[in-house]
PDB file of N, CA and C in Angstrom:
ATOM      1  N   MET A   1      -0.652  11.541 -46.902  1.00  0.00           N
ATOM      2  CA  MET A   1      -0.024  11.066 -45.690  1.00  0.00           C
ATOM      3  C   MET A   1       0.678  12.237 -45.014  1.00  0.00           C
ATOM      4  N   ASN A   2       0.388  12.443 -43.712  1.00  0.00           N
ATOM      5  CA  ASN A   2       0.964  13.542 -42.953  1.00  0.00           C
ATOM      6  C   ASN A   2       2.217  13.035 -42.229  1.00  0.00           C
ATOM      7  N   ILE A   3       3.379  13.397 -42.714  1.00  0.00           N
ATOM      8  CA  ILE A   3       4.636  12.945 -42.108  1.00  0.00           C
ATOM      9  C   ILE A   3       5.370  14.169 -41.578  1.00  0.00           C
ATOM     10  N   ARG A   4       5.697  14.119 -40.293  1.00  0.00           N
ATOM     11  CA  ARG A   4       6.441  15.207 -39.675  1.00  0.00           C
ATOM     12  C   ARG A   4       7.658  14.619 -38.972  1.00  0.00           C
ATOM     13  N   ALA A   5       8.806  15.135 -39.260  1.00  0.00           N
ATOM     14  CA  ALA A   5      10.070  14.677 -38.669  1.00  0.00           C
ATOM     15  C   ALA A   5      10.263  13.180 -38.875  1.00  0.00           C
ATOM     16  N   GLY A   6       9.815  12.677 -40.005  1.00  0.00           N
ATOM     17  CA  GLY A   6      10.046  11.276 -40.323  1.00  0.00           C
ATOM     18  C   GLY A   6       9.137  10.310 -39.593  1.00  0.00           C
ATOM     19  N   VAL A   7       8.068  10.797 -38.931  1.00  0.00           N
ATOM     20  CA  VAL A   7       7.158   9.927 -38.182  1.00  0.00           C
ATOM     21  C   VAL A   7       5.793   9.957 -38.841  1.00  0.00           C
ATOM     22  N   ASP A   8       5.248   8.790 -39.109  1.00  0.00           N
ATOM     23  CA  ASP A   8       3.908   8.698 -39.683  1.00  0.00           C
ATOM     24  C   ASP A   8       2.914   8.978 -38.564  1.00  0.00           C
ATOM     25  N   GLN A   9       2.170  10.090 -38.650  1.00  0.00           N
ATOM     26  CA  GLN A   9       1.244  10.509 -37.600  1.00  0.00           C
ATOM     27  C   GLN A   9       0.080   9.547 -37.430  1.00  0.00           C
ATOM     28  N   ARG A  10      -0.178   8.675 -38.421  1.00  0.00           N
ATOM     29  CA  ARG A  10      -1.284   7.719 -38.319  1.00  0.00           C
ATOM     30  C   ARG A  10      -0.850   6.418 -37.673  1.00  0.00           C
ATOM     31  N   SER A  11       0.400   6.267 -37.369  1.00  0.00           N
ATOM     32  CA  SER A  11       0.912   5.020 -36.810  1.00  0.00           C
ATOM     33  C   SER A  11       0.331   4.789 -35.417  1.00  0.00           C
ATOM     34  N   THR A  12       0.066   3.547 -35.092  1.00  0.00           N
ATOM     35  CA  THR A  12      -0.425   3.180 -33.762  1.00  0.00           C
ATOM     36  C   THR A  12       0.668   2.509 -32.941  1.00  0.00           C
ATOM     37  N   GLU A  13       1.868   2.517 -33.421  1.00  0.00           N
ATOM     38  CA  GLU A  13       2.976   1.917 -32.698  1.00  0.00           C
ATOM     39  C   GLU A  13       3.839   3.013 -32.077  1.00  0.00           C
ATOM     40  N   TYR A  14       4.231   2.789 -30.818  1.00  0.00           N
ATOM     41  CA  TYR A  14       5.049   3.741 -30.096  1.00  0.00           C
ATOM     42  C   TYR A  14       6.227   3.014 -29.468  1.00  0.00           C
ATOM     43  N   GLU A  15       7.334   3.668 -29.373  1.00  0.00           N
ATOM     44  CA  GLU A  15       8.476   3.118 -28.664  1.00  0.00           C
ATOM     45  C   GLU A  15       8.354   3.561 -27.209  1.00  0.00           C
ATOM     46  N   VAL A  16       8.372   2.613 -26.298  1.00  0.00           N
ATOM     47  CA  VAL A  16       8.240   2.909 -24.877  1.00  0.00           C
ATOM     48  C   VAL A  16       9.595   2.704 -24.225  1.00  0.00           C
ATOM     49  N   LEU A  17      10.044   3.721 -23.500  1.00  0.00           N
ATOM     50  CA  LEU A  17      11.328   3.657 -22.820  1.00  0.00           C
ATOM     51  C   LEU A  17      11.106   3.570 -21.317  1.00  0.00           C
ATOM     52  N   SER A  18      11.925   2.782 -20.660  1.00  0.00           N
ATOM     53  CA  SER A  18      11.827   2.654 -19.214  1.00  0.00           C
ATOM     54  C   SER A  18      12.509   3.836 -18.529  1.00  0.00           C
ATOM     55  N   PRO A  19      11.872   4.426 -17.507  1.00  0.00           N
ATOM     56  CA  PRO A  19      12.514   5.526 -16.775  1.00  0.00           C
ATOM     57  C   PRO A  19      13.556   5.030 -15.771  1.00  0.00           C
ATOM     58  N   TRP A  20      13.645   3.741 -15.558  1.00  0.00           N
ATOM     59  CA  TRP A  20      14.558   3.182 -14.568  1.00  0.00           C
ATOM     60  C   TRP A  20      15.940   3.004 -15.161  1.00  0.00           C
ATOM     61  N   ALA A  21      16.935   3.417 -14.431  1.00  0.00           N
ATOM     62  CA  ALA A  21      18.323   3.264 -14.872  1.00  0.00           C
ATOM     63  C   ALA A  21      18.844   1.919 -14.383  1.00  0.00           C
ATOM     64  N   ASP A  22      19.876   1.435 -15.038  1.00  0.00           N
ATOM     65  CA  ASP A  22      20.555   0.249 -14.542  1.00  0.00           C
ATOM     66  C   ASP A  22      21.371   0.666 -13.323  1.00  0.00           C
ATOM     67  N   VAL A  23      21.231  -0.083 -12.248  1.00  0.00           N
ATOM     68  CA  VAL A  23      21.946   0.245 -11.019  1.00  0.00           C
ATOM     69  C   VAL A  23      22.625  -0.997 -10.476  1.00  0.00           C
ATOM     70  N   ASP A  24      23.591  -0.774  -9.626  1.00  0.00           N
ATOM     71  CA  ASP A  24      24.245  -1.902  -8.972  1.00  0.00           C
ATOM     72  C   ASP A  24      23.272  -2.512  -7.968  1.00  0.00           C
ATOM     73  N   PRO A  25      23.202  -3.828  -7.907  1.00  0.00           N
ATOM     74  CA  PRO A  25      22.268  -4.480  -6.975  1.00  0.00           C
ATOM     75  C   PRO A  25      22.801  -4.524  -5.545  1.00  0.00           C
ATOM     76  N   VAL A  26      23.099  -3.363  -4.992  1.00  0.00           N
ATOM     77  CA  VAL A  26      23.604  -3.283  -3.627  1.00  0.00           C
ATOM     78  C   VAL A  26      22.407  -3.107  -2.698  1.00  0.00           C
ATOM     79  N   PRO A  27      22.223  -4.018  -1.743  1.00  0.00           N
ATOM     80  CA  PRO A  27      21.076  -3.868  -0.846  1.00  0.00           C
ATOM     81  C   PRO A  27      21.206  -2.625   0.030  1.00  0.00           C
ATOM     82  N   LEU A  28      20.080  -1.971   0.274  1.00  0.00           N
ATOM     83  CA  LEU A  28      20.061  -0.797   1.139  1.00  0.00           C
ATOM     84  C   LEU A  28      20.215  -1.224   2.591  1.00  0.00           C
ATOM     85  N   ARG A  29      20.920  -0.421   3.362  1.00  0.00           N
ATOM     86  CA  ARG A  29      21.035  -0.700   4.794  1.00  0.00           C
ATOM     87  C   ARG A  29      21.184   0.629   5.525  1.00  0.00           C
ATOM     88  N   GLY A  30      20.679   0.665   6.713  1.00  0.00           N
ATOM     89  CA  GLY A  30      20.747   1.882   7.501  1.00  0.00           C
ATOM     90  C   GLY A  30      22.084   2.018   8.205  1.00  0.00           C
ATOM     91  N   ILE A  31      22.255   3.128   8.875  1.00  0.00           N
ATOM     92  CA  ILE A  31      23.476   3.362   9.641  1.00  0.00           C
ATOM     93  C   ILE A  31      23.531   2.413  10.825  1.00  0.00           C
ATOM     94  N   ASN A  32      22.385   2.215  11.465  1.00  0.00           N
ATOM     95  CA  ASN A  32      22.266   1.298  12.599  1.00  0.00           C
ATOM     96  C   ASN A  32      21.225   0.250  12.258  1.00  0.00           C
ATOM     97  N   PRO A  33      21.303  -0.914  12.883  1.00  0.00           N
ATOM     98  CA  PRO A  33      20.264  -1.922  12.629  1.00  0.00           C
ATOM     99  C   PRO A  33      18.896  -1.433  13.112  1.00  0.00           C
ATOM    100  N   ARG A  34      17.858  -1.835  12.407  1.00  0.00           N
ATOM    101  CA  ARG A  34      16.500  -1.466  12.816  1.00  0.00           C
ATOM    102  C   ARG A  34      16.089  -2.281  14.036  1.00  0.00           C
ATOM    103  N   PRO A  35      15.317  -1.676  14.928  1.00  0.00           N
ATOM    104  CA  PRO A  35      14.811  -2.463  16.067  1.00  0.00           C
ATOM    105  C   PRO A  35      13.848  -3.540  15.558  1.00  0.00           C
ATOM    106  N   LYS A  36      13.909  -4.712  16.172  1.00  0.00           N
ATOM    107  CA  LYS A  36      13.017  -5.806  15.760  1.00  0.00           C
ATOM    108  C   LYS A  36      11.568  -5.516  16.118  1.00  0.00           C
ATOM    109  N   ASP A  37      11.368  -4.731  17.175  1.00  0.00           N
ATOM    110  CA  ASP A  37      10.034  -4.447  17.686  1.00  0.00           C
ATOM    111  C   ASP A  37      10.060  -3.037  18.276  1.00  0.00           C
ATOM    112  N   LEU A  38       8.969  -2.305  18.167  1.00  0.00           N
ATOM    113  CA  LEU A  38       8.912  -0.947  18.720  1.00  0.00           C
ATOM    114  C   LEU A  38       8.255  -0.897  20.097  1.00  0.00           C
ATOM    115  N   ALA A  39       7.763  -2.018  20.581  1.00  0.00           N
ATOM    116  CA  ALA A  39       7.120  -2.041  21.896  1.00  0.00           C
ATOM    117  C   ALA A  39       8.121  -1.605  22.963  1.00  0.00           C
ATOM    118  N   GLY A  40       7.705  -0.639  23.780  1.00  0.00           N
ATOM    119  CA  GLY A  40       8.548  -0.151  24.855  1.00  0.00           C
ATOM    120  C   GLY A  40       9.702   0.734  24.400  1.00  0.00           C
ATOM    121  N   LYS A  41       9.769   1.077  23.144  1.00  0.00           N
ATOM    122  CA  LYS A  41      10.868   1.891  22.610  1.00  0.00           C
ATOM    123  C   LYS A  41      10.494   3.372  22.601  1.00  0.00           C
ATOM    124  N   LYS A  42      11.534   4.217  22.631  1.00  0.00           N
ATOM    125  CA  LYS A  42      11.333   5.655  22.497  1.00  0.00           C
ATOM    126  C   LYS A  42      11.597   6.009  21.036  1.00  0.00           C
ATOM    127  N   ILE A  43      10.580   6.571  20.380  1.00  0.00           N
ATOM    128  CA  ILE A  43      10.664   6.917  18.968  1.00  0.00           C
ATOM    129  C   ILE A  43      10.856   8.423  18.839  1.00  0.00           C
ATOM    130  N   GLY A  44      11.921   8.818  18.168  1.00  0.00           N
ATOM    131  CA  GLY A  44      12.191  10.227  17.940  1.00  0.00           C
ATOM    132  C   GLY A  44      11.394  10.732  16.750  1.00  0.00           C
ATOM    133  N   LEU A  45      10.770  11.874  16.909  1.00  0.00           N
ATOM    134  CA  LEU A  45      10.012  12.516  15.829  1.00  0.00           C
ATOM    135  C   LEU A  45      10.741  13.798  15.452  1.00  0.00           C
ATOM    136  N   PHE A  46      11.342  13.802  14.277  1.00  0.00           N
ATOM    137  CA  PHE A  46      12.163  14.918  13.816  1.00  0.00           C
ATOM    138  C   PHE A  46      11.282  15.908  13.083  1.00  0.00           C
ATOM    139  N   LEU A  47      11.124  17.089  13.655  1.00  0.00           N
ATOM    140  CA  LEU A  47      10.248  18.119  13.110  1.00  0.00           C
ATOM    141  C   LEU A  47      11.084  19.175  12.403  1.00  0.00           C
ATOM    142  N   ASN A  48      10.925  19.257  11.090  1.00  0.00           N
ATOM    143  CA  ASN A  48      11.645  20.285  10.343  1.00  0.00           C
ATOM    144  C   ASN A  48      10.714  21.472  10.103  1.00  0.00           C
ATOM    145  N   GLU A  49      11.117  22.387   9.266  1.00  0.00           N
ATOM    146  CA  GLU A  49      10.337  23.604   9.053  1.00  0.00           C
ATOM    147  C   GLU A  49       9.281  23.487   7.959  1.00  0.00           C
ATOM    148  N   LYS A  50       9.050  22.307   7.430  1.00  0.00           N
ATOM    149  CA  LYS A  50       8.034  22.154   6.391  1.00  0.00           C
ATOM    150  C   LYS A  50       6.664  22.455   6.983  1.00  0.00           C
ATOM    151  N   ARG A  51       5.802  23.052   6.176  1.00  0.00           N
ATOM    152  CA  ARG A  51       4.533  23.571   6.708  1.00  0.00           C
ATOM    153  C   ARG A  51       3.583  22.514   7.252  1.00  0.00           C
ATOM    154  N   ALA A  52       3.618  21.294   6.736  1.00  0.00           N
ATOM    155  CA  ALA A  52       2.704  20.257   7.226  1.00  0.00           C
ATOM    156  C   ALA A  52       3.407  19.213   8.086  1.00  0.00           C
ATOM    157  N   ALA A  53       4.666  19.445   8.428  1.00  0.00           N
ATOM    158  CA  ALA A  53       5.426  18.444   9.192  1.00  0.00           C
ATOM    159  C   ALA A  53       4.811  18.184  10.564  1.00  0.00           C
ATOM    160  N   HIS A  54       4.446  19.232  11.291  1.00  0.00           N
ATOM    161  CA  HIS A  54       3.885  19.028  12.635  1.00  0.00           C
ATOM    162  C   HIS A  54       2.570  18.261  12.561  1.00  0.00           C
ATOM    163  N   LEU A  55       1.730  18.621  11.620  1.00  0.00           N
ATOM    164  CA  LEU A  55       0.458  17.921  11.445  1.00  0.00           C
ATOM    165  C   LEU A  55       0.674  16.446  11.101  1.00  0.00           C
ATOM    166  N   SER A  56       1.579  16.172  10.178  1.00  0.00           N
ATOM    167  CA  SER A  56       1.855  14.790   9.765  1.00  0.00           C
ATOM    168  C   SER A  56       2.430  13.970  10.905  1.00  0.00           C
ATOM    169  N   LEU A  57       3.428  14.531  11.596  1.00  0.00           N
ATOM    170  CA  LEU A  57       4.049  13.786  12.692  1.00  0.00           C
ATOM    171  C   LEU A  57       3.105  13.619  13.874  1.00  0.00           C
ATOM    172  N   SER A  58       2.249  14.590  14.129  1.00  0.00           N
ATOM    173  CA  SER A  58       1.264  14.452  15.209  1.00  0.00           C
ATOM    174  C   SER A  58       0.299  13.305  14.916  1.00  0.00           C
ATOM    175  N   ALA A  59      -0.154  13.207  13.664  1.00  0.00           N
ATOM    176  CA  ALA A  59      -1.043  12.101  13.275  1.00  0.00           C
ATOM    177  C   ALA A  59      -0.302  10.772  13.393  1.00  0.00           C
ATOM    178  N   PHE A  60       0.958  10.743  12.966  1.00  0.00           N
ATOM    179  CA  PHE A  60       1.763   9.528  13.094  1.00  0.00           C
ATOM    180  C   PHE A  60       1.931   9.143  14.557  1.00  0.00           C
ATOM    181  N   GLU A  61       2.247  10.121  15.404  1.00  0.00           N
ATOM    182  CA  GLU A  61       2.442   9.861  16.828  1.00  0.00           C
ATOM    183  C   GLU A  61       1.185   9.263  17.460  1.00  0.00           C
ATOM    184  N   GLN A  62       0.043   9.840  17.152  1.00  0.00           N
ATOM    185  CA  GLN A  62      -1.220   9.338  17.709  1.00  0.00           C
ATOM    186  C   GLN A  62      -1.441   7.882  17.304  1.00  0.00           C
ATOM    187  N   GLU A  63      -1.234   7.567  16.042  1.00  0.00           N
ATOM    188  CA  GLU A  63      -1.418   6.192  15.556  1.00  0.00           C
ATOM    189  C   GLU A  63      -0.387   5.246  16.183  1.00  0.00           C
ATOM    190  N   LEU A  64       0.859   5.688  16.254  1.00  0.00           N
ATOM    191  CA  LEU A  64       1.924   4.873  16.842  1.00  0.00           C
ATOM    192  C   LEU A  64       1.596   4.504  18.284  1.00  0.00           C
ATOM    193  N   LEU A  65       1.207   5.509  19.079  1.00  0.00           N
ATOM    194  CA  LEU A  65       0.944   5.270  20.495  1.00  0.00           C
ATOM    195  C   LEU A  65      -0.286   4.388  20.715  1.00  0.00           C
ATOM    196  N   GLN A  66      -1.220   4.396  19.788  1.00  0.00           N
ATOM    197  CA  GLN A  66      -2.377   3.510  19.886  1.00  0.00           C
ATOM    198  C   GLN A  66      -2.017   2.068  19.518  1.00  0.00           C
ATOM    199  N   ARG A  67      -1.114   1.902  18.565  1.00  0.00           N
ATOM    200  CA  ARG A  67      -0.800   0.559  18.050  1.00  0.00           C
ATOM    201  C   ARG A  67       0.334  -0.155  18.773  1.00  0.00           C
ATOM    202  N   ILE A  68       1.284   0.577  19.323  1.00  0.00           N
ATOM    203  CA  ILE A  68       2.488  -0.041  19.884  1.00  0.00           C
ATOM    204  C   ILE A  68       2.477   0.095  21.403  1.00  0.00           C
ATOM    205  N   PRO A  69       2.345  -1.029  22.114  1.00  0.00           N
ATOM    206  CA  PRO A  69       2.295  -0.971  23.575  1.00  0.00           C
ATOM    207  C   PRO A  69       3.605  -0.463  24.179  1.00  0.00           C
ATOM    208  N   GLY A  70       3.474   0.490  25.078  1.00  0.00           N
ATOM    209  CA  GLY A  70       4.625   0.991  25.815  1.00  0.00           C
ATOM    210  C   GLY A  70       5.542   1.919  25.034  1.00  0.00           C
ATOM    211  N   ALA A  71       5.234   2.211  23.783  1.00  0.00           N
ATOM    212  CA  ALA A  71       6.077   3.129  23.011  1.00  0.00           C
ATOM    213  C   ALA A  71       5.899   4.547  23.531  1.00  0.00           C
ATOM    214  N   THR A  72       6.974   5.304  23.479  1.00  0.00           N
ATOM    215  CA  THR A  72       6.927   6.718  23.833  1.00  0.00           C
ATOM    216  C   THR A  72       7.570   7.507  22.690  1.00  0.00           C
ATOM    217  N   THR A  73       7.382   8.808  22.715  1.00  0.00           N
ATOM    218  CA  THR A  73       7.968   9.638  21.666  1.00  0.00           C
ATOM    219  C   THR A  73       8.783  10.773  22.279  1.00  0.00           C
ATOM    220  N   SER A  74       9.703  11.265  21.479  1.00  0.00           N
ATOM    221  CA  SER A  74      10.514  12.418  21.848  1.00  0.00           C
ATOM    222  C   SER A  74      10.660  13.270  20.599  1.00  0.00           C
ATOM    223  N   TRP A  75      10.279  14.538  20.704  1.00  0.00           N
ATOM    224  CA  TRP A  75      10.312  15.445  19.560  1.00  0.00           C
ATOM    225  C   TRP A  75      11.633  16.197  19.502  1.00  0.00           C
ATOM    226  N   TYR A  76      12.135  16.386  18.290  1.00  0.00           N
ATOM    227  CA  TYR A  76      13.276  17.276  18.044  1.00  0.00           C
ATOM    228  C   TYR A  76      12.817  18.298  17.027  1.00  0.00           C
ATOM    229  N   LYS A  77      12.868  19.563  17.396  1.00  0.00           N
ATOM    230  CA  LYS A  77      12.454  20.621  16.483  1.00  0.00           C
ATOM    231  C   LYS A  77      13.659  21.417  16.039  1.00  0.00           C
ATOM    232  N   CYS A  78      13.864  21.476  14.739  1.00  0.00           N
ATOM    233  CA  CYS A  78      14.925  22.310  14.187  1.00  0.00           C
ATOM    234  C   CYS A  78      14.565  23.764  14.425  1.00  0.00           C
ATOM    235  N   THR A  79      15.557  24.544  14.770  1.00  0.00           N
ATOM    236  CA  THR A  79      15.316  25.970  14.962  1.00  0.00           C
ATOM    237  C   THR A  79      15.825  26.778  13.772  1.00  0.00           C
ATOM    238  N   GLY A  80      16.417  26.104  12.830  1.00  0.00           N
ATOM    239  CA  GLY A  80      16.925  26.758  11.624  1.00  0.00           C
ATOM    240  C   GLY A  80      16.832  25.776  10.478  1.00  0.00           C
ATOM    241  N   HIS A  81      17.647  25.961   9.486  1.00  0.00           N
ATOM    242  CA  HIS A  81      17.654  25.011   8.383  1.00  0.00           C
ATOM    243  C   HIS A  81      18.287  23.713   8.872  1.00  0.00           C
ATOM    244  N   ASN A  82      17.677  22.591   8.523  1.00  0.00           N
ATOM    245  CA  ASN A  82      18.008  21.285   9.093  1.00  0.00           C
ATOM    246  C   ASN A  82      19.501  20.960   9.184  1.00  0.00           C
ATOM    247  N   ILE A  83      20.161  20.788   8.066  1.00  0.00           N
ATOM    248  CA  ILE A  83      21.538  20.300   8.073  1.00  0.00           C
ATOM    249  C   ILE A  83      22.512  21.302   8.702  1.00  0.00           C
ATOM    250  N   PRO A  84      22.508  22.573   8.306  1.00  0.00           N
ATOM    251  CA  PRO A  84      23.472  23.491   8.941  1.00  0.00           C
ATOM    252  C   PRO A  84      23.345  23.544  10.460  1.00  0.00           C
ATOM    253  N   GLU A  85      22.126  23.514  10.969  1.00  0.00           N
ATOM    254  CA  GLU A  85      21.937  23.567  12.423  1.00  0.00           C
ATOM    255  C   GLU A  85      22.551  22.355  13.091  1.00  0.00           C
ATOM    256  N   MET A  86      22.354  21.183  12.484  1.00  0.00           N
ATOM    257  CA  MET A  86      22.841  19.955  13.100  1.00  0.00           C
ATOM    258  C   MET A  86      24.359  19.832  13.021  1.00  0.00           C
ATOM    259  N   LEU A  87      24.991  20.595  12.163  1.00  0.00           N
ATOM    260  CA  LEU A  87      26.444  20.537  12.031  1.00  0.00           C
ATOM    261  C   LEU A  87      27.146  21.673  12.757  1.00  0.00           C
ATOM    262  N   THR A  88      26.396  22.665  13.192  1.00  0.00           N
ATOM    263  CA  THR A  88      27.034  23.830  13.816  1.00  0.00           C
ATOM    264  C   THR A  88      26.503  24.030  15.229  1.00  0.00           C
ATOM    265  N   GLU A  89      25.772  25.115  15.445  1.00  0.00           N
ATOM    266  CA  GLU A  89      25.367  25.485  16.801  1.00  0.00           C
ATOM    267  C   GLU A  89      24.433  24.490  17.477  1.00  0.00           C
ATOM    268  N   GLY A  90      23.654  23.729  16.709  1.00  0.00           N
ATOM    269  CA  GLY A  90      22.727  22.768  17.302  1.00  0.00           C
ATOM    270  C   GLY A  90      23.255  21.355  17.373  1.00  0.00           C
ATOM    271  N   LYS A  91      24.516  21.165  17.032  1.00  0.00           N
ATOM    272  CA  LYS A  91      25.074  19.809  16.940  1.00  0.00           C
ATOM    273  C   LYS A  91      24.986  19.038  18.263  1.00  0.00           C
ATOM    274  N   ALA A  92      25.390  19.636  19.355  1.00  0.00           N
ATOM    275  CA  ALA A  92      25.379  18.945  20.653  1.00  0.00           C
ATOM    276  C   ALA A  92      23.952  18.571  21.060  1.00  0.00           C
ATOM    277  N   ARG A  93      23.024  19.501  20.861  1.00  0.00           N
ATOM    278  CA  ARG A  93      21.620  19.228  21.196  1.00  0.00           C
ATOM    279  C   ARG A  93      21.064  18.097  20.341  1.00  0.00           C
ATOM    280  N   PHE A  94      21.372  18.124  19.027  1.00  0.00           N
ATOM    281  CA  PHE A  94      20.895  17.080  18.121  1.00  0.00           C
ATOM    282  C   PHE A  94      21.499  15.726  18.485  1.00  0.00           C
ATOM    283  N   GLU A  95      22.801  15.671  18.720  1.00  0.00           N
ATOM    284  CA  GLU A  95      23.452  14.402  19.051  1.00  0.00           C
ATOM    285  C   GLU A  95      22.931  13.823  20.358  1.00  0.00           C
ATOM    286  N   ALA A  96      22.664  14.667  21.348  1.00  0.00           N
ATOM    287  CA  ALA A  96      22.099  14.196  22.621  1.00  0.00           C
ATOM    288  C   ALA A  96      20.712  13.604  22.393  1.00  0.00           C
ATOM    289  N   TRP A  97      19.920  14.251  21.549  1.00  0.00           N
ATOM    290  CA  TRP A  97      18.576  13.747  21.250  1.00  0.00           C
ATOM    291  C   TRP A  97      18.654  12.400  20.538  1.00  0.00           C
ATOM    292  N   VAL A  98      19.520  12.286  19.553  1.00  0.00           N
ATOM    293  CA  VAL A  98      19.654  11.029  18.809  1.00  0.00           C
ATOM    294  C   VAL A  98      20.053   9.891  19.748  1.00  0.00           C
ATOM    295  N   ARG A  99      20.967  10.146  20.661  1.00  0.00           N
ATOM    296  CA  ARG A  99      21.388   9.100  21.605  1.00  0.00           C
ATOM    297  C   ARG A  99      20.262   8.695  22.546  1.00  0.00           C
ATOM    298  N   SER A 100      19.281   9.563  22.736  1.00  0.00           N
ATOM    299  CA  SER A 100      18.213   9.281  23.699  1.00  0.00           C
ATOM    300  C   SER A 100      17.044   8.482  23.116  1.00  0.00           C
ATOM    301  N   VAL A 101      17.050   8.229  21.807  1.00  0.00           N
ATOM    302  CA  VAL A 101      15.928   7.517  21.178  1.00  0.00           C
ATOM    303  C   VAL A 101      16.395   6.203  20.551  1.00  0.00           C
ATOM    304  N   ASP A 102      15.429   5.296  20.336  1.00  0.00           N
ATOM    305  CA  ASP A 102      15.728   3.992  19.735  1.00  0.00           C
ATOM    306  C   ASP A 102      15.555   3.990  18.226  1.00  0.00           C
ATOM    307  N   ALA A 103      14.742   4.874  17.702  1.00  0.00           N
ATOM    308  CA  ALA A 103      14.491   4.993  16.260  1.00  0.00           C
ATOM    309  C   ALA A 103      14.014   6.410  15.997  1.00  0.00           C
ATOM    310  N   VAL A 104      14.120   6.849  14.741  1.00  0.00           N
ATOM    311  CA  VAL A 104      13.724   8.207  14.371  1.00  0.00           C
ATOM    312  C   VAL A 104      12.809   8.169  13.168  1.00  0.00           C
ATOM    313  N   VAL A 105      11.775   9.021  13.204  1.00  0.00           N
ATOM    314  CA  VAL A 105      10.879   9.231  12.067  1.00  0.00           C
ATOM    315  C   VAL A 105      11.016  10.690  11.659  1.00  0.00           C
ATOM    316  N   LEU A 106      11.243  10.911  10.368  1.00  0.00           N
ATOM    317  CA  LEU A 106      11.337  12.258   9.829  1.00  0.00           C
ATOM    318  C   LEU A 106      10.267  12.391   8.760  1.00  0.00           C
ATOM    319  N   ALA A 107       9.487  13.443   8.828  1.00  0.00           N
ATOM    320  CA  ALA A 107       8.442  13.675   7.826  1.00  0.00           C
ATOM    321  C   ALA A 107       8.871  14.807   6.911  1.00  0.00           C
ATOM    322  N   VAL A 108       8.831  14.564   5.625  1.00  0.00           N
ATOM    323  CA  VAL A 108       9.000  15.621   4.640  1.00  0.00           C
ATOM    324  C   VAL A 108       7.598  15.973   4.206  1.00  0.00           C
ATOM    325  N   ALA A 109       7.057  17.018   4.750  1.00  0.00           N
ATOM    326  CA  ALA A 109       5.619  17.288   4.620  1.00  0.00           C
ATOM    327  C   ALA A 109       5.369  18.670   4.069  1.00  0.00           C
ATOM    328  N   ASP A 110       5.479  18.810   2.767  1.00  0.00           N
ATOM    329  CA  ASP A 110       5.183  20.086   2.117  1.00  0.00           C
ATOM    330  C   ASP A 110       3.688  20.261   1.963  1.00  0.00           C
TER     331      ASP A 110
END
């Protein structure tokens, strides 16, 4: 019998552990309520510096405009690293853009 570290290597039984942690059952909610419908809404497309972000958001935009009547889009392109720019020199530009749209889509596209 081949026993290593107290485990019988011929055993067909395994202990399976769940990767999920116990969490508080607090429902997720956004900062603002979601629009009930996107028809006629302006959708913001947040473009970060990830290499496939423009490609992903362009494909999303094309599909969105085909499916949702009257929807329009507005692009926001980061000129630096996302968070620092939005908190410092780009803050006014970012806040003006956010106020001008009804919803925002951000692609993390590596």
